[in-house]
Amino acid sequence: YCHIKDYVMPELPKTNPPNDYGPYKGSAANHHYVIENVVNALNGNHSETTNVFEGMKVVGFIEKIYRAGGFIK
């Protein structure tokens, strides 16, 4: 779903269906990379990929999307 003023969503190629976790359908295909990065950063083996501010901004965007869709108040 895409609803952005004055934007026409291009036709995208079909992808694999989402994973079925019962009440949730989606994909967690990249979560292991995020977890691996966090563990490596905490162990001092890697630097973090992003910072807390950027993470908070992403959460804020997700909340705005859910709020606009009427899923949260």
PDB file of N, CA and C in Angstrom:
ATOM      1  N   TYR A   1       0.838  -1.165   0.000  1.00  0.00           N
ATOM      2  CA  TYR A   1       0.000   0.000   0.000  1.00  0.00           C
ATOM      3  C   TYR A   1       0.885   1.230   0.000  1.00  0.00           C
ATOM      4  N   CYS A   2       0.539   2.187  -0.843  1.00  0.00           N
ATOM      5  CA  CYS A   2       1.303   3.437  -0.907  1.00  0.00           C
ATOM      6  C   CYS A   2       0.333   4.570  -1.188  1.00  0.00           C
ATOM      7  N   HIS A   3       0.240   5.545  -0.281  1.00  0.00           N
ATOM      8  CA  HIS A   3      -0.634   6.697  -0.474  1.00  0.00           C
ATOM      9  C   HIS A   3       0.150   7.954  -0.110  1.00  0.00           C
ATOM     10  N   ILE A   4       0.767   8.538  -1.128  1.00  0.00           N
ATOM     11  CA  ILE A   4       1.561   9.749  -0.944  1.00  0.00           C
ATOM     12  C   ILE A   4       1.077  10.764  -1.961  1.00  0.00           C
ATOM     13  N   LYS A   5       0.754  11.949  -1.515  1.00  0.00           N
ATOM     14  CA  LYS A   5       0.230  12.994  -2.394  1.00  0.00           C
ATOM     15  C   LYS A   5       1.169  13.216  -3.580  1.00  0.00           C
ATOM     16  N   ASP A   6       0.582  13.240  -4.782  1.00  0.00           N
ATOM     17  CA  ASP A   6       1.296  13.510  -6.036  1.00  0.00           C
ATOM     18  C   ASP A   6       2.381  12.483  -6.358  1.00  0.00           C
ATOM     19  N   TYR A   7       2.255  11.277  -5.844  1.00  0.00           N
ATOM     20  CA  TYR A   7       3.230  10.227  -6.135  1.00  0.00           C
ATOM     21  C   TYR A   7       2.504   9.030  -6.720  1.00  0.00           C
ATOM     22  N   VAL A   8       3.021   8.537  -7.828  1.00  0.00           N
ATOM     23  CA  VAL A   8       2.451   7.347  -8.451  1.00  0.00           C
ATOM     24  C   VAL A   8       3.389   6.183  -8.175  1.00  0.00           C
ATOM     25  N   MET A   9       2.868   5.180  -7.508  1.00  0.00           N
ATOM     26  CA  MET A   9       3.665   4.007  -7.163  1.00  0.00           C
ATOM     27  C   MET A   9       3.973   3.219  -8.430  1.00  0.00           C
ATOM     28  N   PRO A  10       5.260   2.927  -8.687  1.00  0.00           N
ATOM     29  CA  PRO A  10       5.592   2.139  -9.880  1.00  0.00           C
ATOM     30  C   PRO A  10       5.159   0.685  -9.706  1.00  0.00           C
ATOM     31  N   GLU A  11       4.952   0.009 -10.821  1.00  0.00           N
ATOM     32  CA  GLU A  11       4.624  -1.419 -10.776  1.00  0.00           C
ATOM     33  C   GLU A  11       5.881  -2.172 -10.370  1.00  0.00           C
ATOM     34  N   LEU A  12       5.798  -2.921  -9.287  1.00  0.00           N
ATOM     35  CA  LEU A  12       6.949  -3.644  -8.766  1.00  0.00           C
ATOM     36  C   LEU A  12       6.836  -5.123  -9.105  1.00  0.00           C
ATOM     37  N   PRO A  13       7.976  -5.793  -9.287  1.00  0.00           N
ATOM     38  CA  PRO A  13       7.921  -7.228  -9.565  1.00  0.00           C
ATOM     39  C   PRO A  13       7.418  -7.991  -8.339  1.00  0.00           C
ATOM     40  N   LYS A  14       6.798  -9.126  -8.584  1.00  0.00           N
ATOM     41  CA  LYS A  14       6.307  -9.974  -7.492  1.00  0.00           C
ATOM     42  C   LYS A  14       7.474 -10.472  -6.650  1.00  0.00           C
ATOM     43  N   THR A  15       7.229 -10.620  -5.355  1.00  0.00           N
ATOM     44  CA  THR A  15       8.242 -11.139  -4.438  1.00  0.00           C
ATOM     45  C   THR A  15       7.718 -12.415  -3.795  1.00  0.00           C
ATOM     46  N   ASN A  16       8.544 -13.041  -3.002  1.00  0.00           N
ATOM     47  CA  ASN A  16       8.107 -14.220  -2.265  1.00  0.00           C
ATOM     48  C   ASN A  16       7.029 -13.819  -1.266  1.00  0.00           C
ATOM     49  N   PRO A  17       6.102 -14.721  -0.947  1.00  0.00           N
ATOM     50  CA  PRO A  17       5.078 -14.384   0.045  1.00  0.00           C
ATOM     51  C   PRO A  17       5.713 -14.188   1.421  1.00  0.00           C
ATOM     52  N   PRO A  18       5.029 -13.439   2.317  1.00  0.00           N
ATOM     53  CA  PRO A  18       5.582 -13.233   3.659  1.00  0.00           C
ATOM     54  C   PRO A  18       5.576 -14.525   4.455  1.00  0.00           C
ATOM     55  N   ASN A  19       6.427 -14.570   5.460  1.00  0.00           N
ATOM     56  CA  ASN A  19       6.422 -15.700   6.389  1.00  0.00           C
ATOM     57  C   ASN A  19       5.127 -15.661   7.194  1.00  0.00           C
ATOM     58  N   ASP A  20       4.616 -16.810   7.561  1.00  0.00           N
ATOM     59  CA  ASP A  20       3.377 -16.894   8.326  1.00  0.00           C
ATOM     60  C   ASP A  20       3.707 -17.329   9.748  1.00  0.00           C
ATOM     61  N   TYR A  21       3.613 -16.368  10.687  1.00  0.00           N
ATOM     62  CA  TYR A  21       3.916 -16.633  12.090  1.00  0.00           C
ATOM     63  C   TYR A  21       2.643 -16.791  12.913  1.00  0.00           C
ATOM     64  N   GLY A  22       1.549 -17.152  12.273  1.00  0.00           N
ATOM     65  CA  GLY A  22       0.270 -17.248  12.973  1.00  0.00           C
ATOM     66  C   GLY A  22      -0.444 -15.919  12.909  1.00  0.00           C
ATOM     67  N   PRO A  23      -0.557 -15.194  14.045  1.00  0.00           N
ATOM     68  CA  PRO A  23      -1.271 -13.914  14.010  1.00  0.00           C
ATOM     69  C   PRO A  23      -0.500 -12.818  13.263  1.00  0.00           C
ATOM     70  N   TYR A  24       0.771 -13.047  12.987  1.00  0.00           N
ATOM     71  CA  TYR A  24       1.589 -12.054  12.279  1.00  0.00           C
ATOM     72  C   TYR A  24       2.135 -12.667  11.001  1.00  0.00           C
ATOM     73  N   LYS A  25       1.985 -11.928   9.914  1.00  0.00           N
ATOM     74  CA  LYS A  25       2.588 -12.344   8.653  1.00  0.00           C
ATOM     75  C   LYS A  25       3.578 -11.265   8.252  1.00  0.00           C
ATOM     76  N   GLY A  26       4.793 -11.639   7.967  1.00  0.00           N
ATOM     77  CA  GLY A  26       5.817 -10.672   7.605  1.00  0.00           C
ATOM     78  C   GLY A  26       7.126 -11.372   7.362  1.00  0.00           C
ATOM     79  N   SER A  27       8.180 -10.594   7.328  1.00  0.00           N
ATOM     80  CA  SER A  27       9.490 -11.171   7.069  1.00  0.00           C
ATOM     81  C   SER A  27      10.476 -10.715   8.127  1.00  0.00           C
ATOM     82  N   ALA A  28      11.207 -11.654   8.631  1.00  0.00           N
ATOM     83  CA  ALA A  28      12.264 -11.366   9.595  1.00  0.00           C
ATOM     84  C   ALA A  28      13.593 -11.797   8.997  1.00  0.00           C
ATOM     85  N   ALA A  29      13.682 -11.731   7.670  1.00  0.00           N
ATOM     86  CA  ALA A  29      14.842 -12.273   6.968  1.00  0.00           C
ATOM     87  C   ALA A  29      16.150 -11.571   7.312  1.00  0.00           C
ATOM     88  N   ASN A  30      16.097 -10.307   7.691  1.00  0.00           N
ATOM     89  CA  ASN A  30      17.333  -9.567   7.961  1.00  0.00           C
ATOM     90  C   ASN A  30      17.579  -9.314   9.441  1.00  0.00           C
ATOM     91  N   HIS A  31      16.677  -9.772  10.289  1.00  0.00           N
ATOM     92  CA  HIS A  31      16.827  -9.488  11.718  1.00  0.00           C
ATOM     93  C   HIS A  31      18.128 -10.049  12.287  1.00  0.00           C
ATOM     94  N   HIS A  32      18.580 -11.173  11.782  1.00  0.00           N
ATOM     95  CA  HIS A  32      19.809 -11.755  12.327  1.00  0.00           C
ATOM     96  C   HIS A  32      21.015 -10.859  12.064  1.00  0.00           C
ATOM     97  N   TYR A  33      20.991 -10.069  10.983  1.00  0.00           N
ATOM     98  CA  TYR A  33      22.089  -9.130  10.727  1.00  0.00           C
ATOM     99  C   TYR A  33      22.098  -8.014  11.768  1.00  0.00           C
ATOM    100  N   VAL A  34      20.909  -7.527  12.117  1.00  0.00           N
ATOM    101  CA  VAL A  34      20.809  -6.469  13.123  1.00  0.00           C
ATOM    102  C   VAL A  34      21.295  -6.989  14.470  1.00  0.00           C
ATOM    103  N   ILE A  35      20.815  -8.168  14.862  1.00  0.00           N
ATOM    104  CA  ILE A  35      21.217  -8.754  16.145  1.00  0.00           C
ATOM    105  C   ILE A  35      22.716  -9.017  16.167  1.00  0.00           C
ATOM    106  N   GLU A  36      23.251  -9.547  15.071  1.00  0.00           N
ATOM    107  CA  GLU A  36      24.690  -9.810  14.987  1.00  0.00           C
ATOM    108  C   GLU A  36      25.497  -8.521  15.141  1.00  0.00           C
ATOM    109  N   ASN A  37      25.040  -7.430  14.514  1.00  0.00           N
ATOM    110  CA  ASN A  37      25.739  -6.156  14.629  1.00  0.00           C
ATOM    111  C   ASN A  37      25.716  -5.635  16.057  1.00  0.00           C
ATOM    112  N   VAL A  38      24.565  -5.751  16.730  1.00  0.00           N
ATOM    113  CA  VAL A  38      24.454  -5.288  18.115  1.00  0.00           C
ATOM    114  C   VAL A  38      25.409  -6.070  19.009  1.00  0.00           C
ATOM    115  N   VAL A  39      25.418  -7.391  18.878  1.00  0.00           N
ATOM    116  CA  VAL A  39      26.301  -8.233  19.694  1.00  0.00           C
ATOM    117  C   VAL A  39      27.760  -7.875  19.429  1.00  0.00           C
ATOM    118  N   ASN A  40      28.135  -7.743  18.159  1.00  0.00           N
ATOM    119  CA  ASN A  40      29.523  -7.401  17.824  1.00  0.00           C
ATOM    120  C   ASN A  40      29.912  -6.021  18.350  1.00  0.00           C
ATOM    121  N   ALA A  41      28.994  -5.055  18.261  1.00  0.00           N
ATOM    122  CA  ALA A  41      29.287  -3.714  18.769  1.00  0.00           C
ATOM    123  C   ALA A  41      29.459  -3.736  20.283  1.00  0.00           C
ATOM    124  N   LEU A  42      28.592  -4.478  20.985  1.00  0.00           N
ATOM    125  CA  LEU A  42      28.702  -4.569  22.445  1.00  0.00           C
ATOM    126  C   LEU A  42      29.981  -5.270  22.880  1.00  0.00           C
ATOM    127  N   ASN A  43      30.448  -6.213  22.076  1.00  0.00           N
ATOM    128  CA  ASN A  43      31.690  -6.927  22.384  1.00  0.00           C
ATOM    129  C   ASN A  43      32.933  -6.181  21.906  1.00  0.00           C
ATOM    130  N   GLY A  44      32.741  -5.020  21.292  1.00  0.00           N
ATOM    131  CA  GLY A  44      33.871  -4.226  20.821  1.00  0.00           C
ATOM    132  C   GLY A  44      34.486  -4.723  19.531  1.00  0.00           C
ATOM    133  N   ASN A  45      33.812  -5.629  18.842  1.00  0.00           N
ATOM    134  CA  ASN A  45      34.345  -6.178  17.597  1.00  0.00           C
ATOM    135  C   ASN A  45      33.950  -5.375  16.361  1.00  0.00           C
ATOM    136  N   HIS A  46      32.943  -4.552  16.477  1.00  0.00           N
ATOM    137  CA  HIS A  46      32.447  -3.739  15.365  1.00  0.00           C
ATOM    138  C   HIS A  46      31.963  -2.419  15.926  1.00  0.00           C
ATOM    139  N   SER A  47      31.912  -1.429  15.070  1.00  0.00           N
ATOM    140  CA  SER A  47      31.245  -0.198  15.479  1.00  0.00           C
ATOM    141  C   SER A  47      29.764  -0.353  15.155  1.00  0.00           C
ATOM    142  N   GLU A  48      28.946   0.440  15.822  1.00  0.00           N
ATOM    143  CA  GLU A  48      27.516   0.353  15.569  1.00  0.00           C
ATOM    144  C   GLU A  48      27.212   0.821  14.149  1.00  0.00           C
ATOM    145  N   THR A  49      26.166   0.262  13.555  1.00  0.00           N
ATOM    146  CA  THR A  49      25.763   0.625  12.205  1.00  0.00           C
ATOM    147  C   THR A  49      25.018   1.944  12.210  1.00  0.00           C
ATOM    148  N   THR A  50      24.277   2.211  13.262  1.00  0.00           N
ATOM    149  CA  THR A  50      23.503   3.438  13.371  1.00  0.00           C
ATOM    150  C   THR A  50      23.606   3.930  14.809  1.00  0.00           C
ATOM    151  N   ASN A  51      22.989   5.059  15.074  1.00  0.00           N
ATOM    152  CA  ASN A  51      23.034   5.579  16.438  1.00  0.00           C
ATOM    153  C   ASN A  51      21.629   5.621  17.032  1.00  0.00           C
ATOM    154  N   VAL A  52      21.548   5.948  18.302  1.00  0.00           N
ATOM    155  CA  VAL A  52      20.270   5.958  19.009  1.00  0.00           C
ATOM    156  C   VAL A  52      19.308   6.955  18.379  1.00  0.00           C
ATOM    157  N   PHE A  53      19.791   8.130  18.002  1.00  0.00           N
ATOM    158  CA  PHE A  53      18.923   9.149  17.411  1.00  0.00           C
ATOM    159  C   PHE A  53      18.263   8.624  16.145  1.00  0.00           C
ATOM    160  N   GLU A  54      19.041   7.986  15.263  1.00  0.00           N
ATOM    161  CA  GLU A  54      18.478   7.449  14.024  1.00  0.00           C
ATOM    162  C   GLU A  54      17.466   6.348  14.323  1.00  0.00           C
ATOM    163  N   GLY A  55      17.754   5.513  15.302  1.00  0.00           N
ATOM    164  CA  GLY A  55      16.808   4.471  15.699  1.00  0.00           C
ATOM    165  C   GLY A  55      15.502   5.057  16.207  1.00  0.00           C
ATOM    166  N   MET A  56      15.600   6.118  17.009  1.00  0.00           N
ATOM    167  CA  MET A  56      14.402   6.777  17.523  1.00  0.00           C
ATOM    168  C   MET A  56      13.595   7.397  16.388  1.00  0.00           C
ATOM    169  N   LYS A  57      14.272   7.957  15.392  1.00  0.00           N
ATOM    170  CA  LYS A  57      13.576   8.545  14.243  1.00  0.00           C
ATOM    171  C   LYS A  57      12.806   7.471  13.480  1.00  0.00           C
ATOM    172  N   VAL A  58      13.409   6.307  13.300  1.00  0.00           N
ATOM    173  CA  VAL A  58      12.726   5.213  12.599  1.00  0.00           C
ATOM    174  C   VAL A  58      11.474   4.800  13.360  1.00  0.00           C
ATOM    175  N   VAL A  59      11.589   4.648  14.679  1.00  0.00           N
ATOM    176  CA  VAL A  59      10.426   4.296  15.494  1.00  0.00           C
ATOM    177  C   VAL A  59       9.355   5.374  15.361  1.00  0.00           C
ATOM    178  N   GLY A  60       9.762   6.633  15.352  1.00  0.00           N
ATOM    179  CA  GLY A  60       8.812   7.737  15.182  1.00  0.00           C
ATOM    180  C   GLY A  60       8.079   7.663  13.851  1.00  0.00           C
ATOM    181  N   PHE A  61       8.804   7.338  12.783  1.00  0.00           N
ATOM    182  CA  PHE A  61       8.169   7.195  11.466  1.00  0.00           C
ATOM    183  C   PHE A  61       7.151   6.061  11.476  1.00  0.00           C
ATOM    184  N   ILE A  62       7.525   4.948  12.080  1.00  0.00           N
ATOM    185  CA  ILE A  62       6.616   3.799  12.146  1.00  0.00           C
ATOM    186  C   ILE A  62       5.364   4.170  12.935  1.00  0.00           C
ATOM    187  N   GLU A  63       5.529   4.886  14.050  1.00  0.00           N
ATOM    188  CA  GLU A  63       4.376   5.313  14.839  1.00  0.00           C
ATOM    189  C   GLU A  63       3.471   6.231  14.029  1.00  0.00           C
ATOM    190  N   LYS A  64       4.049   7.146  13.247  1.00  0.00           N
ATOM    191  CA  LYS A  64       3.243   8.048  12.414  1.00  0.00           C
ATOM    192  C   LYS A  64       2.453   7.267  11.374  1.00  0.00           C
ATOM    193  N   ILE A  65       3.068   6.255  10.791  1.00  0.00           N
ATOM    194  CA  ILE A  65       2.380   5.426   9.798  1.00  0.00           C
ATOM    195  C   ILE A  65       1.206   4.704  10.450  1.00  0.00           C
ATOM    196  N   TYR A  66       1.442   4.090  11.615  1.00  0.00           N
ATOM    197  CA  TYR A  66       0.370   3.378  12.308  1.00  0.00           C
ATOM    198  C   TYR A  66      -0.723   4.340  12.760  1.00  0.00           C
ATOM    199  N   ARG A  67      -0.343   5.523  13.217  1.00  0.00           N
ATOM    200  CA  ARG A  67      -1.324   6.514  13.659  1.00  0.00           C
ATOM    201  C   ARG A  67      -2.171   6.977  12.475  1.00  0.00           C
ATOM    202  N   ALA A  68      -1.539   7.240  11.338  1.00  0.00           N
ATOM    203  CA  ALA A  68      -2.263   7.679  10.144  1.00  0.00           C
ATOM    204  C   ALA A  68      -3.214   6.597   9.650  1.00  0.00           C
ATOM    205  N   GLY A  69      -2.856   5.349   9.851  1.00  0.00           N
ATOM    206  CA  GLY A  69      -3.710   4.239   9.446  1.00  0.00           C
ATOM    207  C   GLY A  69      -4.790   3.906  10.456  1.00  0.00           C
ATOM    208  N   GLY A  70      -4.783   4.603  11.596  1.00  0.00           N
ATOM    209  CA  GLY A  70      -5.791   4.368  12.617  1.00  0.00           C
ATOM    210  C   GLY A  70      -5.523   3.159  13.493  1.00  0.00           C
ATOM    211  N   PHE A  71      -4.304   2.627  13.424  1.00  0.00           N
ATOM    212  CA  PHE A  71      -3.982   1.441  14.214  1.00  0.00           C
ATOM    213  C   PHE A  71      -3.605   1.785  15.648  1.00  0.00           C
ATOM    214  N   ILE A  72      -3.088   3.010  15.879  1.00  0.00           N
ATOM    215  CA  ILE A  72      -2.793   3.490  17.229  1.00  0.00           C
ATOM    216  C   ILE A  72      -3.275   4.927  17.330  1.00  0.00           C
ATOM    217  N   LYS A  73      -3.422   5.421  18.569  1.00  0.00           N
ATOM    218  CA  LYS A  73      -3.872   6.806  18.770  1.00  0.00           C
ATOM    219  C   LYS A  73      -2.726   7.691  19.138  1.00  0.00           C
TER     220      LYS A  73
END
